[in-house]
Amino acid sequence: MADVREMRIFSADQIVVPEELPQILKEFSKEVIRQNPSDIVQFSKEYFEMKHKMQQEEAKAKTGK
């Protein structure tokens, strides 16, 4: 495991934000607000598992496999 001192972020230049992250977080946030789940952690788990499954199915459809 890396030393915590090596993992510290000291400037914005050290942070690489994946291009799709803001949209993913926006969609997720909207769904949390719509659903108002009592257990956000469980909701999050189920939400991202569902999104992952959809992503896999879309990839299979594109490749025809």
C-alpha atoms as a PDB file:
ATOM      1  CA  MET A   1       0.000   0.000   0.000  1.00  0.00           C
ATOM      2  CA  ALA A   2       1.276   3.446  -0.902  1.00  0.00           C
ATOM      3  CA  ASP A   3       2.396   5.869   1.734  1.00  0.00           C
ATOM      4  CA  VAL A   4      -0.355   8.445   2.432  1.00  0.00           C
ATOM      5  CA  ARG A   5       2.151  11.246   1.891  1.00  0.00           C
ATOM      6  CA  GLU A   6       2.732   9.990  -1.654  1.00  0.00           C
ATOM      7  CA  MET A   7      -1.007  10.024  -2.362  1.00  0.00           C
ATOM      8  CA  ARG A   8      -1.669  13.626  -1.339  1.00  0.00           C
ATOM      9  CA  ILE A   9      -2.866  16.009  -3.998  1.00  0.00           C
ATOM     10  CA  PHE A  10      -1.274  19.415  -3.819  1.00  0.00           C
ATOM     11  CA  SER A  11      -2.640  21.061  -6.962  1.00  0.00           C
ATOM     12  CA  ALA A  12      -5.441  20.768  -9.504  1.00  0.00           C
ATOM     13  CA  ASP A  13      -2.834  19.785 -12.123  1.00  0.00           C
ATOM     14  CA  GLN A  14      -2.438  16.437 -10.343  1.00  0.00           C
ATOM     15  CA  ILE A  15      -6.124  15.572 -10.767  1.00  0.00           C
ATOM     16  CA  VAL A  16      -7.276  13.912 -13.966  1.00  0.00           C
ATOM     17  CA  VAL A  17     -11.070  13.837 -14.194  1.00  0.00           C
ATOM     18  CA  PRO A  18     -12.412  11.326 -16.708  1.00  0.00           C
ATOM     19  CA  GLU A  19     -14.448  13.083 -19.385  1.00  0.00           C
ATOM     20  CA  GLU A  20     -17.619  11.111 -18.636  1.00  0.00           C
ATOM     21  CA  LEU A  21     -17.552  11.564 -14.827  1.00  0.00           C
ATOM     22  CA  PRO A  22     -19.512  14.839 -14.609  1.00  0.00           C
ATOM     23  CA  GLN A  23     -22.384  13.409 -16.671  1.00  0.00           C
ATOM     24  CA  ILE A  24     -22.405  10.167 -14.663  1.00  0.00           C
ATOM     25  CA  LEU A  25     -22.567  12.106 -11.392  1.00  0.00           C
ATOM     26  CA  LYS A  26     -25.263  14.428 -12.723  1.00  0.00           C
ATOM     27  CA  GLU A  27     -27.487  11.513 -13.788  1.00  0.00           C
ATOM     28  CA  PHE A  28     -26.870   9.694 -10.511  1.00  0.00           C
ATOM     29  CA  SER A  29     -27.636  12.796  -8.437  1.00  0.00           C
ATOM     30  CA  LYS A  30     -30.902  13.376 -10.288  1.00  0.00           C
ATOM     31  CA  GLU A  31     -31.953   9.785  -9.681  1.00  0.00           C
ATOM     32  CA  VAL A  32     -31.160  10.030  -5.959  1.00  0.00           C
ATOM     33  CA  ILE A  33     -33.263  13.199  -5.735  1.00  0.00           C
ATOM     34  CA  ARG A  34     -36.148  11.587  -7.681  1.00  0.00           C
ATOM     35  CA  GLN A  35     -36.137   8.340  -5.713  1.00  0.00           C
ATOM     36  CA  ASN A  36     -35.246   9.791  -2.291  1.00  0.00           C
ATOM     37  CA  PRO A  37     -33.980   6.397  -1.052  1.00  0.00           C
ATOM     38  CA  SER A  38     -33.849   5.684   2.663  1.00  0.00           C
ATOM     39  CA  ASP A  39     -30.551   3.821   2.182  1.00  0.00           C
ATOM     40  CA  ILE A  40     -28.421   5.798  -0.249  1.00  0.00           C
ATOM     41  CA  VAL A  41     -25.514   3.347  -0.102  1.00  0.00           C
ATOM     42  CA  GLN A  42     -27.738   0.400  -1.079  1.00  0.00           C
ATOM     43  CA  PHE A  43     -29.439   2.523  -3.724  1.00  0.00           C
ATOM     44  CA  SER A  44     -26.033   3.532  -5.102  1.00  0.00           C
ATOM     45  CA  LYS A  45     -24.893  -0.075  -5.283  1.00  0.00           C
ATOM     46  CA  GLU A  46     -28.012  -1.133  -7.161  1.00  0.00           C
ATOM     47  CA  TYR A  47     -27.948   1.931  -9.427  1.00  0.00           C
ATOM     48  CA  PHE A  48     -24.361   1.428 -10.537  1.00  0.00           C
ATOM     49  CA  GLU A  49     -24.796  -2.338 -10.927  1.00  0.00           C
ATOM     50  CA  MET A  50     -27.751  -1.625 -13.213  1.00  0.00           C
ATOM     51  CA  LYS A  51     -25.748   0.966 -15.173  1.00  0.00           C
ATOM     52  CA  HIS A  52     -22.866  -1.488 -15.507  1.00  0.00           C
ATOM     53  CA  LYS A  53     -25.176  -4.213 -16.789  1.00  0.00           C
ATOM     54  CA  MET A  54     -26.688  -1.803 -19.327  1.00  0.00           C
ATOM     55  CA  GLN A  55     -23.205  -0.781 -20.461  1.00  0.00           C
ATOM     56  CA  GLN A  56     -22.202  -4.423 -20.935  1.00  0.00           C
ATOM     57  CA  GLU A  57     -25.380  -5.165 -22.921  1.00  0.00           C
ATOM     58  CA  GLU A  58     -24.770  -2.142 -25.162  1.00  0.00           C
ATOM     59  CA  ALA A  59     -21.195  -3.286 -25.789  1.00  0.00           C
ATOM     60  CA  LYS A  60     -22.422  -6.786 -26.692  1.00  0.00           C
ATOM     61  CA  ALA A  61     -25.003  -5.340 -29.071  1.00  0.00           C
ATOM     62  CA  LYS A  62     -22.337  -3.241 -30.810  1.00  0.00           C
ATOM     63  CA  THR A  63     -20.007  -6.202 -31.289  1.00  0.00           C
ATOM     64  CA  GLY A  64     -22.831  -8.584 -32.151  1.00  0.00           C
ATOM     65  CA  LYS A  65     -21.757 -11.141 -29.547  1.00  0.00           C
END
